[in-house]
PDB file of all heavy atoms in Angstrom:
ATOM      1  N   PRO A   1       8.072  -5.525 -19.143  1.00  0.00           N
ATOM      2  CA  PRO A   1       6.699  -5.457 -19.674  1.00  0.00           C
ATOM      3  C   PRO A   1       5.649  -5.939 -18.669  1.00  0.00           C
ATOM      4  O   PRO A   1       4.535  -5.401 -18.646  1.00  0.00           O
ATOM      5  CB  PRO A   1       6.768  -6.373 -20.897  1.00  0.00           C
ATOM      6  CG  PRO A   1       8.186  -6.271 -21.355  1.00  0.00           C
ATOM      7  CD  PRO A   1       8.989  -6.174 -20.089  1.00  0.00           C
ATOM      8  N   GLU A   2       5.996  -6.885 -17.829  1.00  0.00           N
ATOM      9  CA  GLU A   2       5.038  -7.383 -16.838  1.00  0.00           C
ATOM     10  C   GLU A   2       4.759  -6.392 -15.713  1.00  0.00           C
ATOM     11  O   GLU A   2       3.888  -6.637 -14.880  1.00  0.00           O
ATOM     12  CB  GLU A   2       5.498  -8.726 -16.244  1.00  0.00           C
ATOM     13  CG  GLU A   2       6.925  -8.738 -15.747  1.00  0.00           C
ATOM     14  CD  GLU A   2       7.887  -9.303 -16.776  1.00  0.00           C
ATOM     15  OE1 GLU A   2       7.779  -8.937 -17.983  1.00  0.00           O
ATOM     16  OE2 GLU A   2       8.766 -10.093 -16.379  1.00  0.00           O
ATOM     17  N   ASP A   3       5.481  -5.288 -15.678  1.00  0.00           N
ATOM     18  CA  ASP A   3       5.186  -4.220 -14.725  1.00  0.00           C
ATOM     19  C   ASP A   3       4.058  -3.309 -15.229  1.00  0.00           C
ATOM     20  O   ASP A   3       3.600  -2.427 -14.489  1.00  0.00           O
ATOM     21  CB  ASP A   3       6.419  -3.362 -14.462  1.00  0.00           C
ATOM     22  CG  ASP A   3       7.525  -4.128 -13.748  1.00  0.00           C
ATOM     23  OD1 ASP A   3       7.210  -4.893 -12.816  1.00  0.00           O
ATOM     24  OD2 ASP A   3       8.692  -3.958 -14.135  1.00  0.00           O
ATOM     25  N   THR A   4       3.623  -3.506 -16.459  1.00  0.00           N
ATOM     26  CA  THR A   4       2.546  -2.706 -17.023  1.00  0.00           C
ATOM     27  C   THR A   4       1.269  -2.889 -16.223  1.00  0.00           C
ATOM     28  O   THR A   4       0.811  -4.014 -16.010  1.00  0.00           O
ATOM     29  CB  THR A   4       2.298  -3.089 -18.484  1.00  0.00           C
ATOM     30  OG1 THR A   4       3.457  -2.756 -19.259  1.00  0.00           O
ATOM     31  CG2 THR A   4       1.087  -2.365 -19.048  1.00  0.00           C
ATOM     32  N   ALA A   5       0.730  -1.774 -15.722  1.00  0.00           N
ATOM     33  CA  ALA A   5      -0.474  -1.835 -14.882  1.00  0.00           C
ATOM     34  C   ALA A   5      -0.902  -0.420 -14.532  1.00  0.00           C
ATOM     35  O   ALA A   5      -0.158   0.548 -14.751  1.00  0.00           O
ATOM     36  CB  ALA A   5      -0.202  -2.626 -13.604  1.00  0.00           C
ATOM     37  N   LEU A   6      -2.068  -0.342 -13.934  1.00  0.00           N
ATOM     38  CA  LEU A   6      -2.528   0.895 -13.301  1.00  0.00           C
ATOM     39  C   LEU A   6      -2.052   0.847 -11.853  1.00  0.00           C
ATOM     40  O   LEU A   6      -2.373  -0.104 -11.133  1.00  0.00           O
ATOM     41  CB  LEU A   6      -4.050   0.994 -13.380  1.00  0.00           C
ATOM     42  CG  LEU A   6      -4.692   2.301 -12.937  1.00  0.00           C
ATOM     43  CD1 LEU A   6      -4.200   3.464 -13.786  1.00  0.00           C
ATOM     44  CD2 LEU A   6      -6.207   2.184 -13.044  1.00  0.00           C
ATOM     45  N   TYR A   7      -1.267   1.829 -11.464  1.00  0.00           N
ATOM     46  CA  TYR A   7      -0.668   1.847 -10.139  1.00  0.00           C
ATOM     47  C   TYR A   7      -1.468   2.763  -9.212  1.00  0.00           C
ATOM     48  O   TYR A   7      -1.723   3.920  -9.536  1.00  0.00           O
ATOM     49  CB  TYR A   7       0.782   2.324 -10.219  1.00  0.00           C
ATOM     50  CG  TYR A   7       1.730   1.256 -10.707  1.00  0.00           C
ATOM     51  CD1 TYR A   7       1.680   0.828 -12.030  1.00  0.00           C
ATOM     52  CD2 TYR A   7       2.647   0.668  -9.858  1.00  0.00           C
ATOM     53  CE1 TYR A   7       2.536  -0.167 -12.485  1.00  0.00           C
ATOM     54  CE2 TYR A   7       3.507  -0.323 -10.303  1.00  0.00           C
ATOM     55  CZ  TYR A   7       3.442  -0.734 -11.614  1.00  0.00           C
ATOM     56  OH  TYR A   7       4.288  -1.721 -12.057  1.00  0.00           O
ATOM     57  N   TYR A   8      -1.810   2.219  -8.044  1.00  0.00           N
ATOM     58  CA  TYR A   8      -2.609   2.940  -7.063  1.00  0.00           C
ATOM     59  C   TYR A   8      -1.801   3.198  -5.792  1.00  0.00           C
ATOM     60  O   TYR A   8      -1.099   2.315  -5.307  1.00  0.00           O
ATOM     61  CB  TYR A   8      -3.839   2.132  -6.676  1.00  0.00           C
ATOM     62  CG  TYR A   8      -4.842   1.913  -7.769  1.00  0.00           C
ATOM     63  CD1 TYR A   8      -4.792   0.780  -8.567  1.00  0.00           C
ATOM     64  CD2 TYR A   8      -5.861   2.837  -7.994  1.00  0.00           C
ATOM     65  CE1 TYR A   8      -5.718   0.563  -9.562  1.00  0.00           C
ATOM     66  CE2 TYR A   8      -6.798   2.621  -8.988  1.00  0.00           C
ATOM     67  CZ  TYR A   8      -6.719   1.488  -9.770  1.00  0.00           C
ATOM     68  OH  TYR A   8      -7.649   1.283 -10.758  1.00  0.00           O
ATOM     69  N   CYS A   9      -1.966   4.378  -5.267  1.00  0.00           N
ATOM     70  CA  CYS A   9      -1.406   4.735  -3.973  1.00  0.00           C
ATOM     71  C   CYS A   9      -2.487   4.546  -2.911  1.00  0.00           C
ATOM     72  O   CYS A   9      -3.638   4.945  -3.116  1.00  0.00           O
ATOM     73  CB  CYS A   9      -0.956   6.198  -4.022  1.00  0.00           C
ATOM     74  SG  CYS A   9      -0.392   6.877  -2.465  1.00  0.00           S
ATOM     75  N   GLY A  10      -2.121   3.931  -1.792  1.00  0.00           N
ATOM     76  CA  GLY A  10      -3.066   3.726  -0.716  1.00  0.00           C
ATOM     77  C   GLY A  10      -2.522   4.280   0.598  1.00  0.00           C
ATOM     78  O   GLY A  10      -1.305   4.358   0.802  1.00  0.00           O
ATOM     79  N   ALA A  11      -3.446   4.627   1.483  1.00  0.00           N
ATOM     80  CA  ALA A  11      -3.072   5.137   2.805  1.00  0.00           C
ATOM     81  C   ALA A  11      -3.898   4.437   3.865  1.00  0.00           C
ATOM     82  O   ALA A  11      -5.083   4.155   3.664  1.00  0.00           O
ATOM     83  CB  ALA A  11      -3.293   6.650   2.884  1.00  0.00           C
ATOM     84  N   ARG A  12      -3.244   4.172   4.986  1.00  0.00           N
ATOM     85  CA  ARG A  12      -3.941   3.542   6.092  1.00  0.00           C
ATOM     86  C   ARG A  12      -3.645   4.329   7.364  1.00  0.00           C
ATOM     87  O   ARG A  12      -2.473   4.569   7.703  1.00  0.00           O
ATOM     88  CB  ARG A  12      -3.495   2.099   6.280  1.00  0.00           C
ATOM     89  CG  ARG A  12      -4.194   1.435   7.482  1.00  0.00           C
ATOM     90  CD  ARG A  12      -3.324   0.430   8.178  1.00  0.00           C
ATOM     91  NE  ARG A  12      -3.726   0.168   9.530  1.00  0.00           N
ATOM     92  CZ  ARG A  12      -4.608  -0.760   9.877  1.00  0.00           C
ATOM     93  NH1 ARG A  12      -5.187  -1.518   8.951  1.00  0.00           N
ATOM     94  NH2 ARG A  12      -4.909  -0.945  11.139  1.00  0.00           N
ATOM     95  N   THR A  13      -4.700   4.734   8.052  1.00  0.00           N
ATOM     96  CA  THR A  13      -4.541   5.413   9.327  1.00  0.00           C
ATOM     97  C   THR A  13      -3.891   4.469  10.322  1.00  0.00           C
ATOM     98  O   THR A  13      -4.285   3.308  10.425  1.00  0.00           O
ATOM     99  CB  THR A  13      -5.911   5.851   9.870  1.00  0.00           C
ATOM    100  OG1 THR A  13      -6.603   6.588   8.863  1.00  0.00           O
ATOM    101  CG2 THR A  13      -5.739   6.718  11.097  1.00  0.00           C
ATOM    102  N   THR A  14      -2.888   4.954  11.029  1.00  0.00           N
ATOM    103  CA  THR A  14      -2.207   4.108  12.009  1.00  0.00           C
ATOM    104  C   THR A  14      -1.653   4.937  13.150  1.00  0.00           C
ATOM    105  O   THR A  14      -1.204   6.063  12.956  1.00  0.00           O
ATOM    106  CB  THR A  14      -1.071   3.313  11.347  1.00  0.00           C
ATOM    107  OG1 THR A  14      -0.439   2.487  12.337  1.00  0.00           O
ATOM    108  CG2 THR A  14      -0.013   4.246  10.754  1.00  0.00           C
ATOM    109  N   TYR A  15      -1.708   4.370  14.345  1.00  0.00           N
ATOM    110  CA  TYR A  15      -1.069   4.989  15.506  1.00  0.00           C
ATOM    111  C   TYR A  15       0.354   4.459  15.689  1.00  0.00           C
ATOM    112  O   TYR A  15       1.125   4.997  16.487  1.00  0.00           O
ATOM    113  CB  TYR A  15      -1.885   4.721  16.759  1.00  0.00           C
ATOM    114  CG  TYR A  15      -3.230   5.404  16.741  1.00  0.00           C
ATOM    115  CD1 TYR A  15      -4.388   4.705  16.445  1.00  0.00           C
ATOM    116  CD2 TYR A  15      -3.337   6.770  17.001  1.00  0.00           C
ATOM    117  CE1 TYR A  15      -5.617   5.333  16.413  1.00  0.00           C
ATOM    118  CE2 TYR A  15      -4.559   7.405  16.976  1.00  0.00           C
ATOM    119  CZ  TYR A  15      -5.704   6.683  16.675  1.00  0.00           C
ATOM    120  OH  TYR A  15      -6.910   7.311  16.640  1.00  0.00           O
ATOM    121  N   TYR A  16       0.667   3.408  14.953  1.00  0.00           N
ATOM    122  CA  TYR A  16       1.969   2.764  15.095  1.00  0.00           C
ATOM    123  C   TYR A  16       2.823   3.138  13.893  1.00  0.00           C
ATOM    124  O   TYR A  16       2.769   2.496  12.842  1.00  0.00           O
ATOM    125  CB  TYR A  16       1.791   1.251  15.189  1.00  0.00           C
ATOM    126  CG  TYR A  16       0.839   0.851  16.283  1.00  0.00           C
ATOM    127  CD1 TYR A  16      -0.456   0.448  15.985  1.00  0.00           C
ATOM    128  CD2 TYR A  16       1.231   0.902  17.612  1.00  0.00           C
ATOM    129  CE1 TYR A  16      -1.338   0.104  16.989  1.00  0.00           C
ATOM    130  CE2 TYR A  16       0.357   0.552  18.625  1.00  0.00           C
ATOM    131  CZ  TYR A  16      -0.926   0.161  18.309  1.00  0.00           C
ATOM    132  OH  TYR A  16      -1.799  -0.179  19.301  1.00  0.00           O
ATOM    133  N   THR A  17       3.597   4.178  14.022  1.00  0.00           N
ATOM    134  CA  THR A  17       4.307   4.744  12.873  1.00  0.00           C
ATOM    135  C   THR A  17       5.433   3.863  12.367  1.00  0.00           C
ATOM    136  O   THR A  17       6.028   4.157  11.338  1.00  0.00           O
ATOM    137  CB  THR A  17       4.859   6.132  13.217  1.00  0.00           C
ATOM    138  OG1 THR A  17       5.730   6.012  14.345  1.00  0.00           O
ATOM    139  CG2 THR A  17       3.738   7.105  13.525  1.00  0.00           C
ATOM    140  N   GLY A  18       5.730   2.778  13.092  1.00  0.00           N
ATOM    141  CA  GLY A  18       6.762   1.862  12.633  1.00  0.00           C
ATOM    142  C   GLY A  18       6.239   0.698  11.822  1.00  0.00           C
ATOM    143  O   GLY A  18       7.010  -0.125  11.337  1.00  0.00           O
ATOM    144  N   TYR A  19       4.934   0.627  11.632  1.00  0.00           N
ATOM    145  CA  TYR A  19       4.323  -0.502  10.947  1.00  0.00           C
ATOM    146  C   TYR A  19       4.071  -0.189   9.471  1.00  0.00           C
ATOM    147  O   TYR A  19       3.735   0.941   9.123  1.00  0.00           O
ATOM    148  CB  TYR A  19       2.989  -0.853  11.584  1.00  0.00           C
ATOM    149  CG  TYR A  19       3.070  -1.556  12.918  1.00  0.00           C
ATOM    150  CD1 TYR A  19       4.251  -1.609  13.646  1.00  0.00           C
ATOM    151  CD2 TYR A  19       1.955  -2.158  13.470  1.00  0.00           C
ATOM    152  CE1 TYR A  19       4.310  -2.231  14.881  1.00  0.00           C
ATOM    153  CE2 TYR A  19       1.994  -2.788  14.707  1.00  0.00           C
ATOM    154  CZ  TYR A  19       3.181  -2.818  15.406  1.00  0.00           C
ATOM    155  OH  TYR A  19       3.224  -3.450  16.623  1.00  0.00           O
ATOM    156  N   TYR A  20       4.168  -1.214   8.637  1.00  0.00           N
ATOM    157  CA  TYR A  20       3.702  -1.127   7.257  1.00  0.00           C
ATOM    158  C   TYR A  20       2.621  -2.185   7.069  1.00  0.00           C
ATOM    159  O   TYR A  20       2.483  -3.101   7.875  1.00  0.00           O
ATOM    160  CB  TYR A  20       4.842  -1.318   6.254  1.00  0.00           C
ATOM    161  CG  TYR A  20       5.633  -2.588   6.445  1.00  0.00           C
ATOM    162  CD1 TYR A  20       5.119  -3.827   6.088  1.00  0.00           C
ATOM    163  CD2 TYR A  20       6.921  -2.536   6.993  1.00  0.00           C
ATOM    164  CE1 TYR A  20       5.847  -4.987   6.271  1.00  0.00           C
ATOM    165  CE2 TYR A  20       7.652  -3.698   7.177  1.00  0.00           C
ATOM    166  CZ  TYR A  20       7.112  -4.912   6.816  1.00  0.00           C
ATOM    167  OH  TYR A  20       7.840  -6.058   7.004  1.00  0.00           O
ATOM    168  N   TYR A  21       1.879  -2.062   5.974  1.00  0.00           N
ATOM    169  CA  TYR A  21       0.761  -2.974   5.713  1.00  0.00           C
ATOM    170  C   TYR A  21       0.812  -3.386   4.248  1.00  0.00           C
ATOM    171  O   TYR A  21       1.078  -2.558   3.382  1.00  0.00           O
ATOM    172  CB  TYR A  21      -0.562  -2.288   6.037  1.00  0.00           C
ATOM    173  CG  TYR A  21      -0.630  -1.813   7.468  1.00  0.00           C
ATOM    174  CD1 TYR A  21      -0.154  -0.562   7.823  1.00  0.00           C
ATOM    175  CD2 TYR A  21      -1.148  -2.636   8.458  1.00  0.00           C
ATOM    176  CE1 TYR A  21      -0.196  -0.138   9.138  1.00  0.00           C
ATOM    177  CE2 TYR A  21      -1.192  -2.218   9.780  1.00  0.00           C
ATOM    178  CZ  TYR A  21      -0.702  -0.964  10.119  1.00  0.00           C
ATOM    179  OH  TYR A  21      -0.730  -0.549  11.418  1.00  0.00           O
ATOM    180  N   TYR A  22       0.543  -4.657   3.981  1.00  0.00           N
ATOM    181  CA  TYR A  22       0.648  -5.140   2.607  1.00  0.00           C
ATOM    182  C   TYR A  22      -0.611  -5.823   2.099  1.00  0.00           C
ATOM    183  O   TYR A  22      -0.624  -6.335   0.975  1.00  0.00           O
ATOM    184  CB  TYR A  22       1.853  -6.071   2.457  1.00  0.00           C
ATOM    185  CG  TYR A  22       1.856  -7.238   3.401  1.00  0.00           C
ATOM    186  CD1 TYR A  22       1.217  -8.422   3.055  1.00  0.00           C
ATOM    187  CD2 TYR A  22       2.503  -7.159   4.627  1.00  0.00           C
ATOM    188  CE1 TYR A  22       1.216  -9.496   3.918  1.00  0.00           C
ATOM    189  CE2 TYR A  22       2.505  -8.233   5.501  1.00  0.00           C
ATOM    190  CZ  TYR A  22       1.864  -9.402   5.142  1.00  0.00           C
ATOM    191  OH  TYR A  22       1.864 -10.462   5.989  1.00  0.00           O
ATOM    192  N   LEU A  23      -1.658  -5.814   2.884  1.00  0.00           N
ATOM    193  CA  LEU A  23      -2.928  -6.365   2.434  1.00  0.00           C
ATOM    194  C   LEU A  23      -3.839  -5.231   1.978  1.00  0.00           C
ATOM    195  O   LEU A  23      -3.996  -4.229   2.674  1.00  0.00           O
ATOM    196  CB  LEU A  23      -3.598  -7.158   3.555  1.00  0.00           C
ATOM    197  CG  LEU A  23      -2.829  -8.373   4.051  1.00  0.00           C
ATOM    198  CD1 LEU A  23      -3.587  -9.053   5.178  1.00  0.00           C
ATOM    199  CD2 LEU A  23      -2.574  -9.353   2.916  1.00  0.00           C
ATOM    200  N   GLU A  24      -4.456  -5.418   0.827  1.00  0.00           N
ATOM    201  CA  GLU A  24      -5.303  -4.389   0.248  1.00  0.00           C
ATOM    202  C   GLU A  24      -6.409  -3.966   1.212  1.00  0.00           C
ATOM    203  O   GLU A  24      -6.715  -2.768   1.327  1.00  0.00           O
ATOM    204  CB  GLU A  24      -5.909  -4.911  -1.056  1.00  0.00           C
ATOM    205  CG  GLU A  24      -6.736  -3.899  -1.818  1.00  0.00           C
ATOM    206  CD  GLU A  24      -7.266  -4.476  -3.120  1.00  0.00           C
ATOM    207  OE1 GLU A  24      -6.871  -5.592  -3.492  1.00  0.00           O
ATOM    208  OE2 GLU A  24      -8.086  -3.784  -3.767  1.00  0.00           O
ATOM    209  N   ASP A  25      -7.000  -4.907   1.905  1.00  0.00           N
ATOM    210  CA  ASP A  25      -8.127  -4.605   2.788  1.00  0.00           C
ATOM    211  C   ASP A  25      -7.730  -3.763   3.994  1.00  0.00           C
ATOM    212  O   ASP A  25      -8.595  -3.230   4.689  1.00  0.00           O
ATOM    213  CB  ASP A  25      -8.771  -5.909   3.281  1.00  0.00           C
ATOM    214  CG  ASP A  25      -9.487  -6.642   2.174  1.00  0.00           C
ATOM    215  OD1 ASP A  25      -9.687  -6.035   1.105  1.00  0.00           O
ATOM    216  OD2 ASP A  25      -9.833  -7.818   2.362  1.00  0.00           O
TER     217      ASP A  25
END
């Protein structure tokens, strides 16, 4: 039940295809 939420997909332009990002900004 705590997973209940509006889920958003985000994209970040990157030249480093091995990186991930976890900050909203």
